[in-house]
Amino acid sequence: MISLRQITPDDIAVIKGWPSYPAEFTDLDYALRDRGWLDEYSQKPGADILIADDEGTIAGFSIIAREPGGTAEFRIALHPERCGRGFGRTVTYLSLVQGFSDPATDTVRLIVRKNNPRAKRLYEEMHFRNTGECIEEIQGRPVEFYRMEINRVAFHGADAR
């Protein structure tokens, strides 16, 4: 059973030592490595890095980074061996529960790669709505994303799980 807890320094070393992602997710591997999400968000005020603990094993992690104005940014990364097995839905749901437990957070937003239709479908099923598109530079290359968000009312009013 998956539960969330705050990250520890030991967790960071474990995650950075994970094997590479399978070929279809290889572009996401940078998030796990030095100068990736863990290094970036551990320095951001208002950011919670949450470990998805599956009976003592790290199944993944998520980030809820609160911003001024009641918005939070969401990121998620799963252990390479956990991709495509339903863990993303559970970790996303639990992360949103955590994010919306802060009364100041009204909206959680994310970006999802255009070449990741499975993740986009998951977010749509969880009642995120598409709010546009953007291009971000990742490791020196432009990458196309969809912007999505969910507000407190949509999350609590839907069976997001």
N, C-alpha and C. Protein backbone atom coordinates (compact mmCIF):
# COMPACT_ATOMS: atom_id res chain seq x y z
N MET A 1 0.85 -1.18 0.00
CA MET A 1 0.00 0.00 0.00
C MET A 1 0.89 1.25 0.00
N ILE A 2 0.59 2.14 -0.86
CA ILE A 2 1.40 3.36 -1.03
C ILE A 2 0.96 4.43 -0.02
N SER A 3 1.95 5.05 0.59
CA SER A 3 1.71 6.21 1.44
C SER A 3 2.78 7.25 1.10
N LEU A 4 2.49 8.49 1.44
CA LEU A 4 3.44 9.57 1.18
C LEU A 4 4.10 10.00 2.48
N ARG A 5 5.37 10.36 2.36
CA ARG A 5 6.12 10.92 3.49
C ARG A 5 7.11 11.93 2.93
N GLN A 6 7.62 12.77 3.81
CA GLN A 6 8.61 13.76 3.39
C GLN A 6 9.91 13.07 3.00
N ILE A 7 10.59 13.63 2.04
CA ILE A 7 11.86 13.09 1.56
C ILE A 7 12.95 13.29 2.61
N THR A 8 13.92 12.39 2.60
CA THR A 8 15.11 12.52 3.45
C THR A 8 16.34 12.57 2.54
N PRO A 9 17.48 13.02 3.06
CA PRO A 9 18.70 13.01 2.24
C PRO A 9 19.06 11.60 1.73
N ASP A 10 18.82 10.57 2.53
CA ASP A 10 19.10 9.21 2.07
C ASP A 10 18.25 8.83 0.87
N ASP A 11 17.00 9.31 0.84
CA ASP A 11 16.11 9.01 -0.29
C ASP A 11 16.67 9.58 -1.59
N ILE A 12 17.25 10.76 -1.51
CA ILE A 12 17.78 11.40 -2.71
C ILE A 12 18.86 10.52 -3.34
N ALA A 13 19.75 10.01 -2.52
CA ALA A 13 20.82 9.14 -3.03
C ALA A 13 20.24 7.87 -3.65
N VAL A 14 19.21 7.31 -3.04
CA VAL A 14 18.57 6.10 -3.59
C VAL A 14 17.97 6.40 -4.96
N ILE A 15 17.23 7.50 -5.06
CA ILE A 15 16.56 7.84 -6.32
C ILE A 15 17.58 8.12 -7.42
N LYS A 16 18.63 8.85 -7.10
CA LYS A 16 19.65 9.15 -8.12
C LYS A 16 20.37 7.90 -8.59
N GLY A 17 20.27 6.82 -7.83
CA GLY A 17 20.88 5.55 -8.21
C GLY A 17 19.94 4.60 -8.94
N TRP A 18 18.70 5.03 -9.18
CA TRP A 18 17.76 4.19 -9.91
C TRP A 18 18.28 3.89 -11.31
N PRO A 19 17.86 2.76 -11.89
CA PRO A 19 18.23 2.48 -13.28
C PRO A 19 17.56 3.50 -14.22
N SER A 20 18.04 3.56 -15.43
CA SER A 20 17.44 4.46 -16.43
C SER A 20 16.03 4.00 -16.78
N TYR A 21 15.25 4.95 -17.25
CA TYR A 21 13.89 4.63 -17.70
C TYR A 21 13.92 3.80 -18.98
N PRO A 22 12.85 3.03 -19.23
CA PRO A 22 12.74 2.30 -20.50
C PRO A 22 12.74 3.28 -21.67
N ALA A 23 12.98 2.79 -22.86
CA ALA A 23 13.14 3.62 -24.06
C ALA A 23 12.01 4.64 -24.23
N GLU A 24 10.75 4.24 -24.01
CA GLU A 24 9.65 5.18 -24.25
C GLU A 24 9.64 6.36 -23.28
N PHE A 25 10.34 6.24 -22.15
CA PHE A 25 10.39 7.31 -21.15
C PHE A 25 11.79 7.89 -20.98
N THR A 26 12.71 7.55 -21.85
CA THR A 26 14.10 7.94 -21.69
C THR A 26 14.28 9.46 -21.57
N ASP A 27 13.41 10.24 -22.21
CA ASP A 27 13.52 11.70 -22.12
C ASP A 27 13.20 12.23 -20.73
N LEU A 28 12.63 11.41 -19.87
CA LEU A 28 12.28 11.84 -18.53
C LEU A 28 13.38 11.56 -17.51
N ASP A 29 14.39 10.83 -17.91
CA ASP A 29 15.42 10.37 -16.99
C ASP A 29 16.15 11.51 -16.29
N TYR A 30 16.30 12.66 -16.94
CA TYR A 30 17.03 13.78 -16.35
C TYR A 30 16.44 14.20 -15.01
N ALA A 31 15.12 14.00 -14.82
CA ALA A 31 14.46 14.43 -13.59
C ALA A 31 15.02 13.73 -12.36
N LEU A 32 15.58 12.54 -12.55
CA LEU A 32 16.08 11.73 -11.44
C LEU A 32 17.55 12.00 -11.11
N ARG A 33 18.25 12.67 -11.96
CA ARG A 33 19.71 12.75 -11.86
C ARG A 33 20.19 14.06 -11.22
N ASP A 34 21.51 14.21 -11.11
CA ASP A 34 22.08 15.45 -10.60
C ASP A 34 21.57 16.61 -11.43
N ARG A 35 21.24 17.70 -10.76
CA ARG A 35 20.66 18.91 -11.35
C ARG A 35 19.26 18.68 -11.90
N GLY A 36 18.63 17.59 -11.50
CA GLY A 36 17.25 17.29 -11.88
C GLY A 36 16.28 17.89 -10.88
N TRP A 37 15.08 17.32 -10.85
CA TRP A 37 14.00 17.88 -10.01
C TRP A 37 14.35 17.90 -8.52
N LEU A 38 14.99 16.85 -8.03
CA LEU A 38 15.29 16.81 -6.59
C LEU A 38 16.21 17.97 -6.19
N ASP A 39 17.22 18.22 -6.99
CA ASP A 39 18.12 19.34 -6.70
C ASP A 39 17.41 20.68 -6.88
N GLU A 40 16.63 20.80 -7.93
CA GLU A 40 15.92 22.06 -8.21
C GLU A 40 14.90 22.39 -7.12
N TYR A 41 14.05 21.45 -6.78
CA TYR A 41 12.94 21.76 -5.88
C TYR A 41 13.33 21.72 -4.40
N SER A 42 14.43 21.07 -4.06
CA SER A 42 14.84 21.07 -2.65
C SER A 42 15.29 22.47 -2.23
N GLN A 43 15.58 23.32 -3.20
CA GLN A 43 16.01 24.70 -2.92
C GLN A 43 14.86 25.70 -2.99
N LYS A 44 13.68 25.27 -3.42
CA LYS A 44 12.55 26.19 -3.61
C LYS A 44 11.74 26.33 -2.33
N PRO A 45 11.55 27.56 -1.87
CA PRO A 45 10.67 27.76 -0.71
C PRO A 45 9.24 27.32 -1.07
N GLY A 46 8.56 26.69 -0.15
CA GLY A 46 7.18 26.27 -0.36
C GLY A 46 7.03 24.97 -1.12
N ALA A 47 8.14 24.30 -1.43
CA ALA A 47 8.06 23.04 -2.18
C ALA A 47 8.16 21.86 -1.22
N ASP A 48 7.22 20.94 -1.34
CA ASP A 48 7.26 19.69 -0.60
C ASP A 48 7.62 18.58 -1.57
N ILE A 49 8.67 17.83 -1.25
CA ILE A 49 9.02 16.64 -2.04
C ILE A 49 8.58 15.45 -1.21
N LEU A 50 7.68 14.68 -1.78
CA LEU A 50 7.03 13.58 -1.08
C LEU A 50 7.45 12.24 -1.67
N ILE A 51 7.87 11.34 -0.82
CA ILE A 51 8.25 9.99 -1.24
C ILE A 51 7.01 9.11 -1.25
N ALA A 52 6.82 8.39 -2.35
CA ALA A 52 5.76 7.39 -2.43
C ALA A 52 6.35 6.09 -1.91
N ASP A 53 6.01 5.76 -0.68
CA ASP A 53 6.58 4.61 0.01
C ASP A 53 5.63 3.43 -0.14
N ASP A 54 6.14 2.34 -0.68
CA ASP A 54 5.35 1.12 -0.86
C ASP A 54 5.97 0.04 0.03
N GLU A 55 5.51 0.01 1.28
CA GLU A 55 5.98 -0.97 2.26
C GLU A 55 7.50 -0.97 2.39
N GLY A 56 8.07 0.24 2.53
CA GLY A 56 9.51 0.37 2.74
C GLY A 56 10.34 0.53 1.49
N THR A 57 9.71 0.48 0.32
CA THR A 57 10.42 0.65 -0.95
C THR A 57 9.94 1.95 -1.58
N ILE A 58 10.87 2.70 -2.16
CA ILE A 58 10.51 3.96 -2.82
C ILE A 58 9.95 3.63 -4.21
N ALA A 59 8.64 3.85 -4.37
CA ALA A 59 7.97 3.60 -5.64
C ALA A 59 8.05 4.81 -6.56
N GLY A 60 8.32 5.98 -5.98
CA GLY A 60 8.38 7.21 -6.76
C GLY A 60 8.41 8.40 -5.82
N PHE A 61 8.25 9.57 -6.41
CA PHE A 61 8.15 10.78 -5.60
C PHE A 61 7.31 11.79 -6.34
N SER A 62 6.78 12.73 -5.58
CA SER A 62 6.03 13.82 -6.19
C SER A 62 6.47 15.12 -5.54
N ILE A 63 6.13 16.19 -6.22
CA ILE A 63 6.48 17.52 -5.73
C ILE A 63 5.23 18.37 -5.79
N ILE A 64 4.95 19.05 -4.69
CA ILE A 64 3.92 20.08 -4.65
C ILE A 64 4.66 21.36 -4.29
N ALA A 65 4.77 22.27 -5.23
CA ALA A 65 5.50 23.52 -5.03
C ALA A 65 4.50 24.67 -5.00
N ARG A 66 4.25 25.17 -3.80
CA ARG A 66 3.28 26.25 -3.64
C ARG A 66 3.85 27.56 -4.16
N GLU A 67 2.96 28.33 -4.79
CA GLU A 67 3.33 29.61 -5.36
C GLU A 67 2.38 30.67 -4.82
N PRO A 68 2.74 31.93 -4.93
CA PRO A 68 1.83 32.99 -4.48
C PRO A 68 0.50 32.92 -5.25
N GLY A 69 -0.56 33.32 -4.59
CA GLY A 69 -1.86 33.40 -5.25
C GLY A 69 -2.67 32.12 -5.19
N GLY A 70 -2.30 31.16 -4.35
CA GLY A 70 -3.11 29.97 -4.17
C GLY A 70 -2.89 28.86 -5.19
N THR A 71 -1.80 28.94 -5.94
CA THR A 71 -1.50 27.93 -6.95
C THR A 71 -0.32 27.08 -6.50
N ALA A 72 -0.32 25.83 -6.89
CA ALA A 72 0.82 24.95 -6.64
C ALA A 72 1.14 24.20 -7.92
N GLU A 73 2.41 23.96 -8.13
CA GLU A 73 2.89 23.18 -9.28
C GLU A 73 3.06 21.74 -8.83
N PHE A 74 2.68 20.80 -9.69
CA PHE A 74 2.78 19.37 -9.39
C PHE A 74 3.75 18.70 -10.35
N ARG A 75 4.60 17.84 -9.80
CA ARG A 75 5.50 17.00 -10.59
C ARG A 75 5.45 15.60 -10.01
N ILE A 76 5.69 14.60 -10.83
CA ILE A 76 5.70 13.21 -10.36
C ILE A 76 6.75 12.44 -11.14
N ALA A 77 7.42 11.53 -10.44
CA ALA A 77 8.37 10.61 -11.07
C ALA A 77 8.22 9.27 -10.37
N LEU A 78 8.14 8.22 -11.15
CA LEU A 78 8.04 6.87 -10.61
C LEU A 78 9.34 6.12 -10.84
N HIS A 79 9.57 5.11 -9.99
CA HIS A 79 10.70 4.22 -10.21
C HIS A 79 10.52 3.61 -11.60
N PRO A 80 11.59 3.47 -12.38
CA PRO A 80 11.46 2.95 -13.74
C PRO A 80 10.70 1.62 -13.84
N GLU A 81 10.79 0.78 -12.82
CA GLU A 81 10.09 -0.51 -12.86
C GLU A 81 8.61 -0.39 -12.48
N ARG A 82 8.18 0.80 -12.06
CA ARG A 82 6.79 1.01 -11.64
C ARG A 82 5.96 1.72 -12.71
N CYS A 83 6.59 2.15 -13.78
CA CYS A 83 5.87 2.88 -14.83
C CYS A 83 4.86 1.96 -15.52
N GLY A 84 3.68 2.51 -15.81
CA GLY A 84 2.67 1.78 -16.57
C GLY A 84 1.94 0.72 -15.77
N ARG A 85 2.02 0.78 -14.44
CA ARG A 85 1.39 -0.25 -13.62
C ARG A 85 0.35 0.31 -12.65
N GLY A 86 -0.10 1.55 -12.88
CA GLY A 86 -1.15 2.13 -12.05
C GLY A 86 -0.67 2.92 -10.85
N PHE A 87 0.62 2.94 -10.61
CA PHE A 87 1.13 3.66 -9.45
C PHE A 87 0.98 5.17 -9.62
N GLY A 88 1.07 5.65 -10.85
CA GLY A 88 0.96 7.08 -11.10
C GLY A 88 -0.36 7.65 -10.63
N ARG A 89 -1.44 6.93 -10.85
CA ARG A 89 -2.77 7.39 -10.42
C ARG A 89 -2.81 7.52 -8.89
N THR A 90 -2.32 6.52 -8.19
CA THR A 90 -2.35 6.54 -6.73
C THR A 90 -1.48 7.66 -6.18
N VAL A 91 -0.27 7.79 -6.70
CA VAL A 91 0.64 8.83 -6.21
C VAL A 91 0.08 10.22 -6.53
N THR A 92 -0.50 10.38 -7.71
CA THR A 92 -1.10 11.67 -8.05
C THR A 92 -2.25 12.00 -7.10
N TYR A 93 -3.13 11.05 -6.88
CA TYR A 93 -4.27 11.27 -5.98
C TYR A 93 -3.79 11.67 -4.58
N LEU A 94 -2.88 10.89 -4.02
CA LEU A 94 -2.39 11.18 -2.67
C LEU A 94 -1.68 12.52 -2.61
N SER A 95 -0.97 12.87 -3.67
CA SER A 95 -0.28 14.17 -3.73
C SER A 95 -1.27 15.32 -3.77
N LEU A 96 -2.35 15.14 -4.50
CA LEU A 96 -3.38 16.19 -4.56
C LEU A 96 -4.08 16.34 -3.21
N VAL A 97 -4.32 15.23 -2.53
CA VAL A 97 -4.88 15.32 -1.17
C VAL A 97 -3.95 16.17 -0.31
N GLN A 98 -2.65 15.88 -0.38
CA GLN A 98 -1.67 16.65 0.38
C GLN A 98 -1.67 18.12 -0.04
N GLY A 99 -1.67 18.36 -1.34
CA GLY A 99 -1.63 19.74 -1.84
C GLY A 99 -2.84 20.54 -1.41
N PHE A 100 -4.01 19.96 -1.52
CA PHE A 100 -5.23 20.68 -1.17
C PHE A 100 -5.49 20.69 0.34
N SER A 101 -4.66 19.99 1.13
CA SER A 101 -4.81 20.07 2.59
C SER A 101 -4.39 21.44 3.10
N ASP A 102 -3.64 22.17 2.29
CA ASP A 102 -3.27 23.55 2.62
C ASP A 102 -4.43 24.44 2.17
N PRO A 103 -5.12 25.09 3.11
CA PRO A 103 -6.29 25.91 2.73
C PRO A 103 -5.96 27.04 1.77
N ALA A 104 -4.69 27.43 1.70
CA ALA A 104 -4.30 28.51 0.79
C ALA A 104 -4.18 28.04 -0.66
N THR A 105 -4.12 26.72 -0.88
CA THR A 105 -3.97 26.19 -2.23
C THR A 105 -5.34 25.94 -2.84
N ASP A 106 -5.63 26.66 -3.92
CA ASP A 106 -6.91 26.50 -4.60
C ASP A 106 -6.77 25.76 -5.93
N THR A 107 -5.59 25.83 -6.54
CA THR A 107 -5.37 25.25 -7.87
C THR A 107 -4.02 24.55 -7.91
N VAL A 108 -4.00 23.37 -8.51
CA VAL A 108 -2.75 22.65 -8.75
C VAL A 108 -2.59 22.55 -10.26
N ARG A 109 -1.43 22.94 -10.74
CA ARG A 109 -1.18 22.92 -12.17
C ARG A 109 0.00 22.02 -12.48
N LEU A 110 0.09 21.61 -13.74
CA LEU A 110 1.19 20.78 -14.19
C LEU A 110 1.41 21.00 -15.67
N ILE A 111 2.53 20.49 -16.15
CA ILE A 111 2.75 20.39 -17.59
C ILE A 111 3.02 18.92 -17.88
N VAL A 112 2.55 18.47 -19.03
CA VAL A 112 2.75 17.08 -19.43
C VAL A 112 3.21 17.09 -20.88
N ARG A 113 4.23 16.31 -21.15
CA ARG A 113 4.78 16.26 -22.51
C ARG A 113 3.72 15.83 -23.52
N LYS A 114 3.76 16.46 -24.67
CA LYS A 114 2.82 16.09 -25.73
C LYS A 114 3.03 14.67 -26.22
N ASN A 115 4.24 14.15 -26.06
CA ASN A 115 4.51 12.78 -26.51
C ASN A 115 4.26 11.75 -25.40
N ASN A 116 3.49 12.14 -24.38
CA ASN A 116 3.15 11.23 -23.29
C ASN A 116 1.62 11.16 -23.15
N PRO A 117 0.95 10.56 -24.15
CA PRO A 117 -0.52 10.54 -24.12
C PRO A 117 -1.09 9.75 -22.94
N ARG A 118 -0.37 8.77 -22.46
CA ARG A 118 -0.87 7.98 -21.33
C ARG A 118 -1.00 8.86 -20.09
N ALA A 119 0.02 9.70 -19.82
CA ALA A 119 -0.05 10.60 -18.67
C ALA A 119 -1.14 11.64 -18.85
N LYS A 120 -1.26 12.18 -20.05
CA LYS A 120 -2.31 13.18 -20.30
C LYS A 120 -3.69 12.58 -20.06
N ARG A 121 -3.89 11.37 -20.53
CA ARG A 121 -5.18 10.70 -20.32
C ARG A 121 -5.46 10.49 -18.82
N LEU A 122 -4.44 10.09 -18.07
CA LEU A 122 -4.60 9.91 -16.63
C LEU A 122 -5.06 11.21 -15.99
N TYR A 123 -4.40 12.31 -16.31
CA TYR A 123 -4.76 13.60 -15.71
C TYR A 123 -6.18 14.02 -16.12
N GLU A 124 -6.55 13.78 -17.35
CA GLU A 124 -7.92 14.10 -17.79
C GLU A 124 -8.93 13.26 -17.00
N GLU A 125 -8.64 11.98 -16.81
CA GLU A 125 -9.53 11.11 -16.05
C GLU A 125 -9.66 11.57 -14.60
N MET A 126 -8.62 12.23 -14.10
CA MET A 126 -8.64 12.74 -12.72
C MET A 126 -9.22 14.15 -12.65
N HIS A 127 -9.74 14.64 -13.77
CA HIS A 127 -10.45 15.92 -13.87
C HIS A 127 -9.56 17.15 -13.94
N PHE A 128 -8.30 16.96 -14.35
CA PHE A 128 -7.50 18.12 -14.72
C PHE A 128 -8.08 18.63 -16.04
N ARG A 129 -8.00 19.91 -16.25
CA ARG A 129 -8.44 20.47 -17.53
C ARG A 129 -7.26 21.07 -18.27
N ASN A 130 -7.31 20.96 -19.59
CA ASN A 130 -6.26 21.50 -20.44
C ASN A 130 -6.40 23.02 -20.47
N THR A 131 -5.30 23.73 -20.21
CA THR A 131 -5.35 25.19 -20.20
C THR A 131 -4.45 25.81 -21.25
N GLY A 132 -3.87 25.00 -22.12
CA GLY A 132 -3.03 25.55 -23.17
C GLY A 132 -1.82 24.69 -23.44
N GLU A 133 -0.87 25.29 -24.11
CA GLU A 133 0.35 24.60 -24.51
C GLU A 133 1.54 25.51 -24.24
N CYS A 134 2.72 24.90 -24.15
CA CYS A 134 3.93 25.69 -23.98
C CYS A 134 5.12 24.88 -24.49
N ILE A 135 6.22 25.57 -24.64
CA ILE A 135 7.48 24.93 -24.99
C ILE A 135 8.47 25.32 -23.90
N GLU A 136 9.10 24.30 -23.32
CA GLU A 136 10.11 24.52 -22.29
C GLU A 136 11.43 23.95 -22.80
N GLU A 137 12.51 24.55 -22.39
CA GLU A 137 13.82 24.01 -22.75
C GLU A 137 14.23 23.00 -21.70
N ILE A 138 14.46 21.76 -22.13
CA ILE A 138 14.89 20.68 -21.25
C ILE A 138 16.22 20.16 -21.78
N GLN A 139 17.24 20.27 -20.97
CA GLN A 139 18.58 19.84 -21.35
C GLN A 139 19.00 20.42 -22.71
N GLY A 140 18.70 21.70 -22.90
CA GLY A 140 19.11 22.39 -24.10
C GLY A 140 18.25 22.17 -25.33
N ARG A 141 17.15 21.41 -25.17
CA ARG A 141 16.27 21.13 -26.32
C ARG A 141 14.87 21.63 -26.03
N PRO A 142 14.19 22.18 -27.05
CA PRO A 142 12.80 22.58 -26.84
C PRO A 142 11.89 21.35 -26.78
N VAL A 143 10.99 21.35 -25.79
CA VAL A 143 10.05 20.24 -25.60
C VAL A 143 8.64 20.83 -25.52
N GLU A 144 7.71 20.22 -26.26
CA GLU A 144 6.32 20.69 -26.27
C GLU A 144 5.52 20.03 -25.14
N PHE A 145 4.74 20.87 -24.46
CA PHE A 145 3.93 20.42 -23.32
C PHE A 145 2.50 20.92 -23.45
N TYR A 146 1.60 20.19 -22.81
CA TYR A 146 0.26 20.69 -22.51
C TYR A 146 0.30 21.23 -21.09
N ARG A 147 -0.41 22.33 -20.87
CA ARG A 147 -0.61 22.86 -19.52
C ARG A 147 -1.95 22.34 -19.03
N MET A 148 -1.99 21.87 -17.79
CA MET A 148 -3.23 21.36 -17.22
C MET A 148 -3.34 21.84 -15.78
N GLU A 149 -4.59 21.88 -15.28
CA GLU A 149 -4.78 22.25 -13.88
C GLU A 149 -6.07 21.65 -13.35
N ILE A 150 -6.13 21.58 -12.03
CA ILE A 150 -7.33 21.15 -11.33
C ILE A 150 -7.50 22.07 -10.13
N ASN A 151 -8.76 22.46 -9.86
CA ASN A 151 -8.98 23.29 -8.69
C ASN A 151 -9.59 22.45 -7.57
N ARG A 152 -9.64 23.02 -6.41
CA ARG A 152 -10.12 22.33 -5.22
C ARG A 152 -11.53 21.78 -5.42
N VAL A 153 -12.42 22.57 -6.01
CA VAL A 153 -13.80 22.13 -6.21
C VAL A 153 -13.87 20.92 -7.14
N ALA A 154 -13.14 20.95 -8.25
CA ALA A 154 -13.14 19.81 -9.18
C ALA A 154 -12.54 18.57 -8.53
N PHE A 155 -11.49 18.76 -7.74
CA PHE A 155 -10.86 17.62 -7.09
C PHE A 155 -11.77 16.98 -6.06
N HIS A 156 -12.34 17.80 -5.19
CA HIS A 156 -13.19 17.27 -4.13
C HIS A 156 -14.57 16.84 -4.64
N GLY A 157 -14.98 17.39 -5.79
CA GLY A 157 -16.30 17.04 -6.33
C GLY A 157 -16.27 15.83 -7.22
N ALA A 158 -15.11 15.33 -7.56
CA ALA A 158 -14.98 14.20 -8.48
C ALA A 158 -14.40 13.00 -7.76
N ASP A 159 -14.68 11.85 -8.27
CA ASP A 159 -14.02 10.65 -7.76
C ASP A 159 -12.69 10.56 -8.48
N ALA A 160 -11.71 11.34 -8.02
CA ALA A 160 -10.43 11.48 -8.71
C ALA A 160 -9.61 10.22 -8.66
N ARG A 161 -9.93 9.33 -7.79
CA ARG A 161 -9.14 8.11 -7.68
C ARG A 161 -9.60 7.16 -8.75
